[in-house]
Amino acid sequence: MIETIMKAVKQTMDNANLMNLAEGEVISAPPDLKIRLKKNLKLVIPKELLVVPEHLTDYSKICDIHCKTVYTDSETFNNFSASDASIKIKNSLKNGDRVMLVCFEGGQRFYILDRI
């Protein structure tokens, strides 16, 4: 009985360390994203286990744009203003990108922090 309790406590303590940082490399770009961990080259993380933040994807944002007149040696650009303009940001991960990951849930989920 004591051994069972000790085993349960040890498991709980092991699980208390819920997050670890790891470096990885993109080996397959989205939509079939796969990342290989630097410390374990045999371990390839499939897209199903990855959480990708918006800033590492292609995404659109609505914004207001205001530009004043600018003079160059050969041209003049006049004032420009646009409200509720849609901007497409193209920042998806590409093959060869190095990334920093947070491993949690005992290595069952990986959150990509950013490129490094």
PDB file of N, CA and C in Angstrom:
ATOM      1  N   MET A   1       0.816  -1.192   0.000  1.00  0.00           N
ATOM      2  CA  MET A   1       0.000   0.000   0.000  1.00  0.00           C
ATOM      3  C   MET A   1       0.861   1.258   0.000  1.00  0.00           C
ATOM      4  N   ILE A   2       1.906   1.269   0.839  1.00  0.00           N
ATOM      5  CA  ILE A   2       2.793   2.429   0.907  1.00  0.00           C
ATOM      6  C   ILE A   2       3.516   2.615  -0.419  1.00  0.00           C
ATOM      7  N   GLU A   3       3.922   1.516  -1.033  1.00  0.00           N
ATOM      8  CA  GLU A   3       4.595   1.611  -2.328  1.00  0.00           C
ATOM      9  C   GLU A   3       3.684   2.242  -3.374  1.00  0.00           C
ATOM     10  N   THR A   4       2.412   1.895  -3.353  1.00  0.00           N
ATOM     11  CA  THR A   4       1.444   2.470  -4.292  1.00  0.00           C
ATOM     12  C   THR A   4       1.312   3.967  -4.073  1.00  0.00           C
ATOM     13  N   ILE A   5       1.242   4.387  -2.809  1.00  0.00           N
ATOM     14  CA  ILE A   5       1.139   5.816  -2.494  1.00  0.00           C
ATOM     15  C   ILE A   5       2.411   6.541  -2.921  1.00  0.00           C
ATOM     16  N   MET A   6       3.562   5.946  -2.625  1.00  0.00           N
ATOM     17  CA  MET A   6       4.835   6.568  -3.011  1.00  0.00           C
ATOM     18  C   MET A   6       4.933   6.701  -4.527  1.00  0.00           C
ATOM     19  N   LYS A   7       4.475   5.688  -5.229  1.00  0.00           N
ATOM     20  CA  LYS A   7       4.493   5.734  -6.689  1.00  0.00           C
ATOM     21  C   LYS A   7       3.580   6.846  -7.204  1.00  0.00           C
ATOM     22  N   ALA A   8       2.401   6.991  -6.601  1.00  0.00           N
ATOM     23  CA  ALA A   8       1.462   8.044  -6.997  1.00  0.00           C
ATOM     24  C   ALA A   8       2.040   9.424  -6.711  1.00  0.00           C
ATOM     25  N   VAL A   9       2.701   9.574  -5.553  1.00  0.00           N
ATOM     26  CA  VAL A   9       3.325  10.858  -5.209  1.00  0.00           C
ATOM     27  C   VAL A   9       4.448  11.168  -6.191  1.00  0.00           C
ATOM     28  N   LYS A  10       5.263  10.178  -6.505  1.00  0.00           N
ATOM     29  CA  LYS A  10       6.357  10.391  -7.458  1.00  0.00           C
ATOM     30  C   LYS A  10       5.810  10.805  -8.820  1.00  0.00           C
ATOM     31  N   GLN A  11       4.758  10.147  -9.264  1.00  0.00           N
ATOM     32  CA  GLN A  11       4.134  10.501 -10.540  1.00  0.00           C
ATOM     33  C   GLN A  11       3.630  11.935 -10.511  1.00  0.00           C
ATOM     34  N   THR A  12       3.005  12.317  -9.408  1.00  0.00           N
ATOM     35  CA  THR A  12       2.498  13.683  -9.266  1.00  0.00           C
ATOM     36  C   THR A  12       3.644  14.679  -9.307  1.00  0.00           C
ATOM     37  N   MET A  13       4.727  14.381  -8.615  1.00  0.00           N
ATOM     38  CA  MET A  13       5.887  15.275  -8.600  1.00  0.00           C
ATOM     39  C   MET A  13       6.522  15.360  -9.984  1.00  0.00           C
ATOM     40  N   ASP A  14       6.617  14.245 -10.671  1.00  0.00           N
ATOM     41  CA  ASP A  14       7.163  14.254 -12.031  1.00  0.00           C
ATOM     42  C   ASP A  14       6.298  15.100 -12.946  1.00  0.00           C
ATOM     43  N   ASN A  15       4.996  15.018 -12.783  1.00  0.00           N
ATOM     44  CA  ASN A  15       4.070  15.783 -13.613  1.00  0.00           C
ATOM     45  C   ASN A  15       4.020  17.250 -13.217  1.00  0.00           C
ATOM     46  N   ALA A  16       4.530  17.592 -12.024  1.00  0.00           N
ATOM     47  CA  ALA A  16       4.541  18.992 -11.596  1.00  0.00           C
ATOM     48  C   ALA A  16       5.455  19.809 -12.492  1.00  0.00           C
ATOM     49  N   ASN A  17       6.450  19.175 -13.070  1.00  0.00           N
ATOM     50  CA  ASN A  17       7.320  19.844 -14.031  1.00  0.00           C
ATOM     51  C   ASN A  17       6.626  19.763 -15.386  1.00  0.00           C
ATOM     52  N   LEU A  18       5.608  20.598 -15.561  1.00  0.00           N
ATOM     53  CA  LEU A  18       4.721  20.465 -16.711  1.00  0.00           C
ATOM     54  C   LEU A  18       5.270  21.062 -17.997  1.00  0.00           C
ATOM     55  N   MET A  19       6.249  21.961 -17.886  1.00  0.00           N
ATOM     56  CA  MET A  19       6.724  22.637 -19.094  1.00  0.00           C
ATOM     57  C   MET A  19       8.243  22.601 -19.186  1.00  0.00           C
ATOM     58  N   ASN A  20       8.727  22.400 -20.390  1.00  0.00           N
ATOM     59  CA  ASN A  20      10.153  22.451 -20.694  1.00  0.00           C
ATOM     60  C   ASN A  20      10.333  23.187 -22.006  1.00  0.00           C
ATOM     61  N   LEU A  21      11.467  23.844 -22.164  1.00  0.00           N
ATOM     62  CA  LEU A  21      11.793  24.501 -23.431  1.00  0.00           C
ATOM     63  C   LEU A  21      12.616  23.557 -24.289  1.00  0.00           C
ATOM     64  N   ALA A  22      12.404  23.630 -25.597  1.00  0.00           N
ATOM     65  CA  ALA A  22      13.169  22.809 -26.530  1.00  0.00           C
ATOM     66  C   ALA A  22      13.343  23.574 -27.834  1.00  0.00           C
ATOM     67  N   GLU A  23      14.474  23.363 -28.464  1.00  0.00           N
ATOM     68  CA  GLU A  23      14.737  23.963 -29.767  1.00  0.00           C
ATOM     69  C   GLU A  23      14.401  22.943 -30.843  1.00  0.00           C
ATOM     70  N   GLY A  24      13.820  23.427 -31.940  1.00  0.00           N
ATOM     71  CA  GLY A  24      13.465  22.537 -33.031  1.00  0.00           C
ATOM     72  C   GLY A  24      13.688  23.181 -34.382  1.00  0.00           C
ATOM     73  N   GLU A  25      13.511  22.375 -35.422  1.00  0.00           N
ATOM     74  CA  GLU A  25      13.650  22.858 -36.799  1.00  0.00           C
ATOM     75  C   GLU A  25      12.458  22.372 -37.614  1.00  0.00           C
ATOM     76  N   VAL A  26      11.896  23.286 -38.403  1.00  0.00           N
ATOM     77  CA  VAL A  26      10.776  22.935 -39.274  1.00  0.00           C
ATOM     78  C   VAL A  26      11.311  22.062 -40.403  1.00  0.00           C
ATOM     79  N   ILE A  27      10.767  20.852 -40.525  1.00  0.00           N
ATOM     80  CA  ILE A  27      11.193  19.967 -41.615  1.00  0.00           C
ATOM     81  C   ILE A  27      10.092  19.796 -42.652  1.00  0.00           C
ATOM     82  N   SER A  28       8.894  20.267 -42.329  1.00  0.00           N
ATOM     83  CA  SER A  28       7.786  20.267 -43.282  1.00  0.00           C
ATOM     84  C   SER A  28       6.914  21.476 -42.960  1.00  0.00           C
ATOM     85  N   ALA A  29       6.777  22.367 -43.935  1.00  0.00           N
ATOM     86  CA  ALA A  29       6.014  23.601 -43.741  1.00  0.00           C
ATOM     87  C   ALA A  29       4.514  23.314 -43.736  1.00  0.00           C
ATOM     88  N   PRO A  30       3.725  24.255 -43.179  1.00  0.00           N
ATOM     89  CA  PRO A  30       2.265  24.091 -43.231  1.00  0.00           C
ATOM     90  C   PRO A  30       1.797  23.940 -44.673  1.00  0.00           C
ATOM     91  N   PRO A  31       0.745  23.202 -44.925  1.00  0.00           N
ATOM     92  CA  PRO A  31      -0.264  22.754 -43.969  1.00  0.00           C
ATOM     93  C   PRO A  31       0.085  21.444 -43.261  1.00  0.00           C
ATOM     94  N   ASP A  32       1.132  20.746 -43.683  1.00  0.00           N
ATOM     95  CA  ASP A  32       1.513  19.484 -43.033  1.00  0.00           C
ATOM     96  C   ASP A  32       2.737  19.730 -42.150  1.00  0.00           C
ATOM     97  N   LEU A  33       2.612  20.655 -41.204  1.00  0.00           N
ATOM     98  CA  LEU A  33       3.723  21.098 -40.370  1.00  0.00           C
ATOM     99  C   LEU A  33       4.304  19.944 -39.557  1.00  0.00           C
ATOM    100  N   LYS A  34       5.649  19.843 -39.602  1.00  0.00           N
ATOM    101  CA  LYS A  34       6.380  18.869 -38.786  1.00  0.00           C
ATOM    102  C   LYS A  34       7.647  19.550 -38.296  1.00  0.00           C
ATOM    103  N   ILE A  35       7.988  19.291 -37.034  1.00  0.00           N
ATOM    104  CA  ILE A  35       9.179  19.878 -36.431  1.00  0.00           C
ATOM    105  C   ILE A  35      10.014  18.774 -35.807  1.00  0.00           C
ATOM    106  N   ARG A  36      11.336  18.852 -36.036  1.00  0.00           N
ATOM    107  CA  ARG A  36      12.278  17.893 -35.449  1.00  0.00           C
ATOM    108  C   ARG A  36      12.975  18.582 -34.275  1.00  0.00           C
ATOM    109  N   LEU A  37      13.019  17.910 -33.131  1.00  0.00           N
ATOM    110  CA  LEU A  37      13.707  18.464 -31.971  1.00  0.00           C
ATOM    111  C   LEU A  37      15.211  18.382 -32.159  1.00  0.00           C
ATOM    112  N   LYS A  38      15.916  19.442 -31.759  1.00  0.00           N
ATOM    113  CA  LYS A  38      17.367  19.496 -31.925  1.00  0.00           C
ATOM    114  C   LYS A  38      18.076  18.439 -31.077  1.00  0.00           C
ATOM    115  N   LYS A  39      17.588  18.202 -29.862  1.00  0.00           N
ATOM    116  CA  LYS A  39      18.261  17.253 -28.968  1.00  0.00           C
ATOM    117  C   LYS A  39      17.928  15.802 -29.275  1.00  0.00           C
ATOM    118  N   ASN A  40      16.911  15.570 -30.096  1.00  0.00           N
ATOM    119  CA  ASN A  40      16.522  14.205 -30.445  1.00  0.00           C
ATOM    120  C   ASN A  40      16.139  14.194 -31.920  1.00  0.00           C
ATOM    121  N   LEU A  41      17.117  14.012 -32.785  1.00  0.00           N
ATOM    122  CA  LEU A  41      16.892  14.128 -34.229  1.00  0.00           C
ATOM    123  C   LEU A  41      15.934  13.075 -34.771  1.00  0.00           C
ATOM    124  N   LYS A  42      15.704  12.018 -34.013  1.00  0.00           N
ATOM    125  CA  LYS A  42      14.766  10.987 -34.467  1.00  0.00           C
ATOM    126  C   LYS A  42      13.321  11.353 -34.160  1.00  0.00           C
ATOM    127  N   LEU A  43      13.120  12.294 -33.228  1.00  0.00           N
ATOM    128  CA  LEU A  43      11.769  12.666 -32.820  1.00  0.00           C
ATOM    129  C   LEU A  43      11.226  13.762 -33.726  1.00  0.00           C
ATOM    130  N   VAL A  44      10.183  13.431 -34.488  1.00  0.00           N
ATOM    131  CA  VAL A  44       9.505  14.389 -35.361  1.00  0.00           C
ATOM    132  C   VAL A  44       8.113  14.631 -34.785  1.00  0.00           C
ATOM    133  N   ILE A  45       7.808  15.906 -34.526  1.00  0.00           N
ATOM    134  CA  ILE A  45       6.522  16.269 -33.927  1.00  0.00           C
ATOM    135  C   ILE A  45       5.540  16.595 -35.046  1.00  0.00           C
ATOM    136  N   PRO A  46       4.425  15.872 -35.134  1.00  0.00           N
ATOM    137  CA  PRO A  46       3.431  16.134 -36.182  1.00  0.00           C
ATOM    138  C   PRO A  46       2.543  17.323 -35.821  1.00  0.00           C
ATOM    139  N   LYS A  47       1.853  17.848 -36.825  1.00  0.00           N
ATOM    140  CA  LYS A  47       1.013  19.039 -36.637  1.00  0.00           C
ATOM    141  C   LYS A  47      -0.058  18.841 -35.570  1.00  0.00           C
ATOM    142  N   GLU A  48      -0.518  17.622 -35.377  1.00  0.00           N
ATOM    143  CA  GLU A  48      -1.575  17.359 -34.400  1.00  0.00           C
ATOM    144  C   GLU A  48      -1.138  17.665 -32.968  1.00  0.00           C
ATOM    145  N   LEU A  49       0.166  17.646 -32.712  1.00  0.00           N
ATOM    146  CA  LEU A  49       0.677  17.909 -31.367  1.00  0.00           C
ATOM    147  C   LEU A  49       1.208  19.332 -31.212  1.00  0.00           C
ATOM    148  N   LEU A  50       1.135  20.128 -32.277  1.00  0.00           N
ATOM    149  CA  LEU A  50       1.695  21.482 -32.267  1.00  0.00           C
ATOM    150  C   LEU A  50       0.618  22.542 -32.111  1.00  0.00           C
ATOM    151  N   VAL A  51       0.931  23.563 -31.326  1.00  0.00           N
ATOM    152  CA  VAL A  51       0.085  24.751 -31.212  1.00  0.00           C
ATOM    153  C   VAL A  51       0.886  25.891 -31.829  1.00  0.00           C
ATOM    154  N   VAL A  52       0.343  26.470 -32.913  1.00  0.00           N
ATOM    155  CA  VAL A  52       1.046  27.522 -33.650  1.00  0.00           C
ATOM    156  C   VAL A  52       0.367  28.861 -33.371  1.00  0.00           C
ATOM    157  N   PRO A  53       1.106  29.837 -32.820  1.00  0.00           N
ATOM    158  CA  PRO A  53       0.498  31.143 -32.571  1.00  0.00           C
ATOM    159  C   PRO A  53       0.242  31.885 -33.878  1.00  0.00           C
ATOM    160  N   GLU A  54      -0.716  32.791 -33.838  1.00  0.00           N
ATOM    161  CA  GLU A  54      -1.116  33.522 -35.043  1.00  0.00           C
ATOM    162  C   GLU A  54       0.060  34.218 -35.717  1.00  0.00           C
ATOM    163  N   HIS A  55       0.983  34.792 -34.937  1.00  0.00           N
ATOM    164  CA  HIS A  55       2.071  35.564 -35.549  1.00  0.00           C
ATOM    165  C   HIS A  55       3.036  34.706 -36.369  1.00  0.00           C
ATOM    166  N   LEU A  56       2.908  33.391 -36.309  1.00  0.00           N
ATOM    167  CA  LEU A  56       3.740  32.503 -37.124  1.00  0.00           C
ATOM    168  C   LEU A  56       2.932  31.844 -38.239  1.00  0.00           C
ATOM    169  N   THR A  57       1.866  32.519 -38.660  1.00  0.00           N
ATOM    170  CA  THR A  57       1.022  32.036 -39.751  1.00  0.00           C
ATOM    171  C   THR A  57       0.827  33.162 -40.759  1.00  0.00           C
ATOM    172  N   ASP A  58       0.166  32.869 -41.851  1.00  0.00           N
ATOM    173  CA  ASP A  58      -0.321  33.910 -42.759  1.00  0.00           C
ATOM    174  C   ASP A  58      -1.688  34.312 -42.226  1.00  0.00           C
ATOM    175  N   TYR A  59      -1.874  35.602 -41.986  1.00  0.00           N
ATOM    176  CA  TYR A  59      -3.141  36.051 -41.415  1.00  0.00           C
ATOM    177  C   TYR A  59      -3.460  37.467 -41.881  1.00  0.00           C
ATOM    178  N   SER A  60      -4.695  37.871 -41.703  1.00  0.00           N
ATOM    179  CA  SER A  60      -5.146  39.209 -42.092  1.00  0.00           C
ATOM    180  C   SER A  60      -5.527  40.002 -40.855  1.00  0.00           C
ATOM    181  N   LYS A  61      -5.301  41.305 -40.938  1.00  0.00           N
ATOM    182  CA  LYS A  61      -5.690  42.232 -39.875  1.00  0.00           C
ATOM    183  C   LYS A  61      -6.359  43.443 -40.508  1.00  0.00           C
ATOM    184  N   ILE A  62      -7.303  44.009 -39.793  1.00  0.00           N
ATOM    185  CA  ILE A  62      -7.961  45.238 -40.212  1.00  0.00           C
ATOM    186  C   ILE A  62      -7.273  46.387 -39.484  1.00  0.00           C
ATOM    187  N   CYS A  63      -6.915  47.443 -40.224  1.00  0.00           N
ATOM    188  CA  CYS A  63      -6.243  48.573 -39.593  1.00  0.00           C
ATOM    189  C   CYS A  63      -6.575  49.870 -40.323  1.00  0.00           C
ATOM    190  N   ASP A  64      -6.207  50.978 -39.700  1.00  0.00           N
ATOM    191  CA  ASP A  64      -6.311  52.293 -40.319  1.00  0.00           C
ATOM    192  C   ASP A  64      -4.917  52.692 -40.772  1.00  0.00           C
ATOM    193  N   ILE A  65      -4.823  53.251 -41.975  1.00  0.00           N
ATOM    194  CA  ILE A  65      -3.534  53.661 -42.533  1.00  0.00           C
ATOM    195  C   ILE A  65      -3.594  55.150 -42.834  1.00  0.00           C
ATOM    196  N   HIS A  66      -2.595  55.880 -42.349  1.00  0.00           N
ATOM    197  CA  HIS A  66      -2.509  57.315 -42.613  1.00  0.00           C
ATOM    198  C   HIS A  66      -1.078  57.628 -43.024  1.00  0.00           C
ATOM    199  N   CYS A  67      -0.928  58.301 -44.149  1.00  0.00           N
ATOM    200  CA  CYS A  67       0.394  58.614 -44.673  1.00  0.00           C
ATOM    201  C   CYS A  67       0.425  60.080 -45.096  1.00  0.00           C
ATOM    202  N   LYS A  68       1.474  60.793 -44.716  1.00  0.00           N
ATOM    203  CA  LYS A  68       1.627  62.194 -45.111  1.00  0.00           C
ATOM    204  C   LYS A  68       2.384  62.268 -46.432  1.00  0.00           C
ATOM    205  N   THR A  69       2.427  63.477 -47.005  1.00  0.00           N
ATOM    206  CA  THR A  69       3.149  63.682 -48.256  1.00  0.00           C
ATOM    207  C   THR A  69       4.645  63.491 -48.023  1.00  0.00           C
ATOM    208  N   VAL A  70       5.256  62.755 -48.932  1.00  0.00           N
ATOM    209  CA  VAL A  70       6.692  62.496 -48.859  1.00  0.00           C
ATOM    210  C   VAL A  70       7.322  62.920 -50.175  1.00  0.00           C
ATOM    211  N   TYR A  71       8.428  63.640 -50.078  1.00  0.00           N
ATOM    212  CA  TYR A  71       9.145  64.097 -51.269  1.00  0.00           C
ATOM    213  C   TYR A  71      10.448  63.324 -51.401  1.00  0.00           C
ATOM    214  N   THR A  72      10.718  62.858 -52.612  1.00  0.00           N
ATOM    215  CA  THR A  72      12.003  62.235 -52.914  1.00  0.00           C
ATOM    216  C   THR A  72      12.665  63.064 -54.003  1.00  0.00           C
ATOM    217  N   ASP A  73      13.827  62.661 -54.450  1.00  0.00           N
ATOM    218  CA  ASP A  73      14.520  63.403 -55.509  1.00  0.00           C
ATOM    219  C   ASP A  73      13.723  63.437 -56.799  1.00  0.00           C
ATOM    220  N   SER A  74      12.959  62.393 -57.063  1.00  0.00           N
ATOM    221  CA  SER A  74      12.281  62.311 -58.359  1.00  0.00           C
ATOM    222  C   SER A  74      10.759  62.278 -58.277  1.00  0.00           C
ATOM    223  N   GLU A  75      10.193  62.048 -57.082  1.00  0.00           N
ATOM    224  CA  GLU A  75       8.738  61.899 -56.996  1.00  0.00           C
ATOM    225  C   GLU A  75       8.186  62.551 -55.735  1.00  0.00           C
ATOM    226  N   THR A  76       6.883  62.810 -55.797  1.00  0.00           N
ATOM    227  CA  THR A  76       6.149  63.295 -54.633  1.00  0.00           C
ATOM    228  C   THR A  76       4.993  62.347 -54.373  1.00  0.00           C
ATOM    229  N   PHE A  77       4.896  61.878 -53.141  1.00  0.00           N
ATOM    230  CA  PHE A  77       3.793  61.016 -52.754  1.00  0.00           C
ATOM    231  C   PHE A  77       2.850  61.826 -51.880  1.00  0.00           C
ATOM    232  N   ASN A  78       1.595  61.900 -52.294  1.00  0.00           N
ATOM    233  CA  ASN A  78       0.615  62.710 -51.584  1.00  0.00           C
ATOM    234  C   ASN A  78       0.022  61.970 -50.397  1.00  0.00           C
ATOM    235  N   ASN A  79      -0.706  62.731 -49.579  1.00  0.00           N
ATOM    236  CA  ASN A  79      -1.371  62.147 -48.414  1.00  0.00           C
ATOM    237  C   ASN A  79      -2.265  60.986 -48.837  1.00  0.00           C
ATOM    238  N   PHE A  80      -2.290  60.000 -47.977  1.00  0.00           N
ATOM    239  CA  PHE A  80      -3.132  58.843 -48.236  1.00  0.00           C
ATOM    240  C   PHE A  80      -3.733  58.412 -46.906  1.00  0.00           C
ATOM    241  N   SER A  81      -4.988  58.037 -46.940  1.00  0.00           N
ATOM    242  CA  SER A  81      -5.648  57.571 -45.727  1.00  0.00           C
ATOM    243  C   SER A  81      -6.634  56.465 -46.088  1.00  0.00           C
ATOM    244  N   ALA A  82      -6.655  55.434 -45.279  1.00  0.00           N
ATOM    245  CA  ALA A  82      -7.606  54.334 -45.480  1.00  0.00           C
ATOM    246  C   ALA A  82      -8.062  53.839 -44.114  1.00  0.00           C
ATOM    247  N   SER A  83      -9.354  53.726 -43.953  1.00  0.00           N
ATOM    248  CA  SER A  83      -9.912  53.201 -42.702  1.00  0.00           C
ATOM    249  C   SER A  83     -10.416  51.781 -42.932  1.00  0.00           C
ATOM    250  N   ASP A  84     -10.269  50.965 -41.924  1.00  0.00           N
ATOM    251  CA  ASP A  84     -10.696  49.566 -41.994  1.00  0.00           C
ATOM    252  C   ASP A  84     -10.087  48.833 -43.189  1.00  0.00           C
ATOM    253  N   ALA A  85      -8.813  49.109 -43.440  1.00  0.00           N
ATOM    254  CA  ALA A  85      -8.104  48.441 -44.534  1.00  0.00           C
ATOM    255  C   ALA A  85      -7.674  47.049 -44.083  1.00  0.00           C
ATOM    256  N   SER A  86      -7.719  46.108 -44.986  1.00  0.00           N
ATOM    257  CA  SER A  86      -7.301  44.743 -44.687  1.00  0.00           C
ATOM    258  C   SER A  86      -5.860  44.550 -45.149  1.00  0.00           C
ATOM    259  N   ILE A  87      -5.021  44.083 -44.232  1.00  0.00           N
ATOM    260  CA  ILE A  87      -3.616  43.822 -44.548  1.00  0.00           C
ATOM    261  C   ILE A  87      -3.356  42.334 -44.363  1.00  0.00           C
ATOM    262  N   LYS A  88      -2.705  41.723 -45.345  1.00  0.00           N
ATOM    263  CA  LYS A  88      -2.347  40.302 -45.278  1.00  0.00           C
ATOM    264  C   LYS A  88      -0.891  40.207 -44.830  1.00  0.00           C
ATOM    265  N   ILE A  89      -0.661  39.552 -43.699  1.00  0.00           N
ATOM    266  CA  ILE A  89       0.686  39.333 -43.197  1.00  0.00           C
ATOM    267  C   ILE A  89       1.073  37.905 -43.557  1.00  0.00           C
ATOM    268  N   LYS A  90       2.185  37.770 -44.261  1.00  0.00           N
ATOM    269  CA  LYS A  90       2.660  36.450 -44.694  1.00  0.00           C
ATOM    270  C   LYS A  90       3.892  36.091 -43.874  1.00  0.00           C
ATOM    271  N   ASN A  91       3.671  35.325 -42.825  1.00  0.00           N
ATOM    272  CA  ASN A  91       4.744  35.011 -41.891  1.00  0.00           C
ATOM    273  C   ASN A  91       4.722  33.540 -41.470  1.00  0.00           C
ATOM    274  N   SER A  92       4.193  32.668 -42.332  1.00  0.00           N
ATOM    275  CA  SER A  92       4.097  31.254 -41.949  1.00  0.00           C
ATOM    276  C   SER A  92       5.483  30.621 -41.858  1.00  0.00           C
ATOM    277  N   LEU A  93       5.558  29.570 -41.079  1.00  0.00           N
ATOM    278  CA  LEU A  93       6.814  28.846 -40.913  1.00  0.00           C
ATOM    279  C   LEU A  93       7.224  28.186 -42.225  1.00  0.00           C
ATOM    280  N   LYS A  94       8.544  28.130 -42.436  1.00  0.00           N
ATOM    281  CA  LYS A  94       9.089  27.549 -43.663  1.00  0.00           C
ATOM    282  C   LYS A  94      10.113  26.479 -43.313  1.00  0.00           C
ATOM    283  N   ASN A  95      10.354  25.583 -44.245  1.00  0.00           N
ATOM    284  CA  ASN A  95      11.367  24.547 -44.042  1.00  0.00           C
ATOM    285  C   ASN A  95      12.688  25.197 -43.646  1.00  0.00           C
ATOM    286  N   GLY A  96      13.323  24.634 -42.626  1.00  0.00           N
ATOM    287  CA  GLY A  96      14.607  25.141 -42.170  1.00  0.00           C
ATOM    288  C   GLY A  96      14.520  26.177 -41.064  1.00  0.00           C
ATOM    289  N   ASP A  97      13.333  26.728 -40.803  1.00  0.00           N
ATOM    290  CA  ASP A  97      13.187  27.688 -39.703  1.00  0.00           C
ATOM    291  C   ASP A  97      13.522  27.003 -38.386  1.00  0.00           C
ATOM    292  N   ARG A  98      14.318  27.682 -37.558  1.00  0.00           N
ATOM    293  CA  ARG A  98      14.587  27.202 -36.201  1.00  0.00           C
ATOM    294  C   ARG A  98      13.563  27.842 -35.280  1.00  0.00           C
ATOM    295  N   VAL A  99      12.998  27.062 -34.382  1.00  0.00           N
ATOM    296  CA  VAL A  99      11.954  27.554 -33.488  1.00  0.00           C
ATOM    297  C   VAL A  99      12.234  27.133 -32.048  1.00  0.00           C
ATOM    298  N   MET A 100      11.679  27.921 -31.116  1.00  0.00           N
ATOM    299  CA  MET A 100      11.721  27.560 -29.698  1.00  0.00           C
ATOM    300  C   MET A 100      10.335  27.061 -29.316  1.00  0.00           C
ATOM    301  N   LEU A 101      10.303  25.905 -28.675  1.00  0.00           N
ATOM    302  CA  LEU A 101       9.038  25.272 -28.296  1.00  0.00           C
ATOM    303  C   LEU A 101       8.926  25.157 -26.781  1.00  0.00           C
ATOM    304  N   VAL A 102       7.697  25.211 -26.303  1.00  0.00           N
ATOM    305  CA  VAL A 102       7.405  24.863 -24.916  1.00  0.00           C
ATOM    306  C   VAL A 102       6.713  23.510 -24.967  1.00  0.00           C
ATOM    307  N   CYS A 103       7.295  22.526 -24.286  1.00  0.00           N
ATOM    308  CA  CYS A 103       6.708  21.187 -24.227  1.00  0.00           C
ATOM    309  C   CYS A 103       5.887  21.109 -22.947  1.00  0.00           C
ATOM    310  N   PHE A 104       4.644  20.679 -23.066  1.00  0.00           N
ATOM    311  CA  PHE A 104       3.820  20.525 -21.873  1.00  0.00           C
ATOM    312  C   PHE A 104       2.938  19.302 -22.005  1.00  0.00           C
ATOM    313  N   GLU A 105       2.196  19.007 -20.957  1.00  0.00           N
ATOM    314  CA  GLU A 105       1.378  17.792 -20.872  1.00  0.00           C
ATOM    315  C   GLU A 105       2.239  16.549 -21.073  1.00  0.00           C
ATOM    316  N   GLY A 106       3.418  16.553 -20.456  1.00  0.00           N
ATOM    317  CA  GLY A 106       4.294  15.391 -20.541  1.00  0.00           C
ATOM    318  C   GLY A 106       4.791  15.100 -21.946  1.00  0.00           C
ATOM    319  N   GLY A 107       4.951  16.130 -22.769  1.00  0.00           N
ATOM    320  CA  GLY A 107       5.421  15.946 -24.135  1.00  0.00           C
ATOM    321  C   GLY A 107       4.320  15.579 -25.111  1.00  0.00           C
ATOM    322  N   GLN A 108       3.069  15.764 -24.703  1.00  0.00           N
ATOM    323  CA  GLN A 108       1.944  15.454 -25.593  1.00  0.00           C
ATOM    324  C   GLN A 108       1.495  16.665 -26.399  1.00  0.00           C
ATOM    325  N   ARG A 109       1.942  17.871 -26.021  1.00  0.00           N
ATOM    326  CA  ARG A 109       1.605  19.099 -26.752  1.00  0.00           C
ATOM    327  C   ARG A 109       2.854  19.972 -26.784  1.00  0.00           C
ATOM    328  N   PHE A 110       3.016  20.704 -27.883  1.00  0.00           N
ATOM    329  CA  PHE A 110       4.160  21.587 -28.058  1.00  0.00           C
ATOM    330  C   PHE A 110       3.662  22.929 -28.579  1.00  0.00           C
ATOM    331  N   TYR A 111       3.931  24.000 -27.817  1.00  0.00           N
ATOM    332  CA  TYR A 111       3.555  25.352 -28.224  1.00  0.00           C
ATOM    333  C   TYR A 111       4.789  26.011 -28.823  1.00  0.00           C
ATOM    334  N   ILE A 112       4.658  26.528 -30.045  1.00  0.00           N
ATOM    335  CA  ILE A 112       5.780  27.192 -30.703  1.00  0.00           C
ATOM    336  C   ILE A 112       5.815  28.640 -30.226  1.00  0.00           C
ATOM    337  N   LEU A 113       6.874  29.012 -29.520  1.00  0.00           N
ATOM    338  CA  LEU A 113       7.000  30.385 -29.026  1.00  0.00           C
ATOM    339  C   LEU A 113       7.311  31.356 -30.155  1.00  0.00           C
ATOM    340  N   ASP A 114       8.379  31.055 -30.911  1.00  0.00           N
ATOM    341  CA  ASP A 114       8.809  31.982 -31.958  1.00  0.00           C
ATOM    342  C   ASP A 114       9.956  31.368 -32.746  1.00  0.00           C
ATOM    343  N   ARG A 115      10.339  32.062 -33.811  1.00  0.00           N
ATOM    344  CA  ARG A 115      11.554  31.693 -34.538  1.00  0.00           C
ATOM    345  C   ARG A 115      12.754  32.130 -33.699  1.00  0.00           C
ATOM    346  N   ILE A 116      13.868  31.431 -33.900  1.00  0.00           N
ATOM    347  CA  ILE A 116      15.107  31.841 -33.222  1.00  0.00           C
ATOM    348  C   ILE A 116      16.230  31.933 -34.226  1.00  0.00           C
TER     349      ILE A 116
END
